[in-house]
Amino acid sequence: MADVQAKRVQPGSIDAEMAGRAVRRIKDYLMQYPEQSAVRVAGEHGGEDPLVLPRGAVSLLAFILWSKG
């Protein structure tokens, strides 16, 4: 596995409108698929393999985005 470093995001640098849209889409997805333990995240333009994330990580991301919105 390649060495990947996370980029630190400064508070306030997240677009609140974009974060709100993302939270709504995440909540809709999680409600639609309540039994799914992993979430496949595909790019908007397709063509790449989807990113597979644990459901808990996606829920945590929604919480982080919601708290910024």
Protein backbone atom coordinates (compact mmCIF):
# COMPACT_ATOMS: atom_id res chain seq x y z
CA MET A 1 0.00 0.00 0.00
CA ALA A 2 1.27 3.45 -0.90
CA ASP A 3 2.08 5.90 1.86
CA VAL A 4 -0.92 8.22 2.01
CA GLN A 5 -1.03 11.30 4.19
CA ALA A 6 -4.25 12.98 5.24
CA LYS A 7 -4.63 16.67 4.54
CA ARG A 8 -5.52 18.79 7.54
CA VAL A 9 -8.61 20.94 6.98
CA GLN A 10 -8.88 24.24 8.79
CA PRO A 11 -12.14 25.01 10.62
CA GLY A 12 -14.44 27.11 8.48
CA SER A 13 -12.93 26.01 5.18
CA ILE A 14 -15.80 23.62 4.36
CA ASP A 15 -18.52 25.01 2.07
CA ALA A 16 -21.68 24.84 4.24
CA GLU A 17 -24.01 24.41 1.26
CA MET A 18 -21.97 21.55 -0.16
CA ALA A 19 -21.72 19.95 3.29
CA GLY A 20 -25.50 20.17 3.69
CA ARG A 21 -26.12 18.46 0.34
CA ALA A 22 -23.65 15.72 1.23
CA VAL A 23 -25.28 15.10 4.62
CA ARG A 24 -28.72 14.78 2.99
CA ARG A 25 -27.41 12.31 0.42
CA ILE A 26 -25.60 10.26 3.06
CA LYS A 27 -28.68 10.14 5.32
CA ASP A 28 -30.91 9.14 2.39
CA TYR A 29 -28.52 6.36 1.42
CA LEU A 30 -28.15 5.01 4.95
CA MET A 31 -31.93 5.01 5.44
CA GLN A 32 -32.49 3.29 2.10
CA TYR A 33 -29.94 0.55 2.86
CA PRO A 34 -30.14 0.01 6.65
CA GLU A 35 -28.63 -3.49 6.60
CA GLN A 36 -25.59 -2.68 4.47
CA SER A 37 -22.35 -2.78 6.49
CA ALA A 38 -20.20 -1.13 3.81
CA VAL A 39 -20.92 1.83 1.56
CA ARG A 40 -19.59 2.02 -2.00
CA VAL A 41 -18.75 5.60 -2.95
CA ALA A 42 -18.46 6.27 -6.66
CA GLY A 43 -17.15 9.42 -8.29
CA GLU A 44 -19.69 11.68 -9.96
CA HIS A 45 -18.09 11.14 -13.35
CA GLY A 46 -17.71 7.36 -13.05
CA GLY A 47 -14.96 5.37 -14.65
CA GLU A 48 -13.10 4.64 -11.42
CA ASP A 49 -13.46 1.82 -8.93
CA PRO A 50 -15.73 2.86 -6.06
CA LEU A 51 -14.28 3.59 -2.65
CA VAL A 52 -15.66 1.10 -0.10
CA LEU A 53 -16.10 2.54 3.41
CA PRO A 54 -17.39 1.01 6.64
CA ARG A 55 -20.92 2.20 7.48
CA GLY A 56 -19.68 3.66 10.78
CA ALA A 57 -17.12 5.82 8.97
CA VAL A 58 -19.81 7.16 6.64
CA SER A 59 -22.05 7.96 9.63
CA LEU A 60 -19.14 9.76 11.29
CA LEU A 61 -18.49 11.75 8.12
CA ALA A 62 -22.16 12.80 8.02
CA PHE A 63 -21.92 13.94 11.65
CA ILE A 64 -18.77 15.97 10.92
CA LEU A 65 -20.33 17.58 7.86
CA TRP A 66 -23.58 18.30 9.76
CA SER A 67 -21.67 20.02 12.56
CA LYS A 68 -19.99 22.30 9.95
CA GLY A 69 -23.26 23.18 8.17
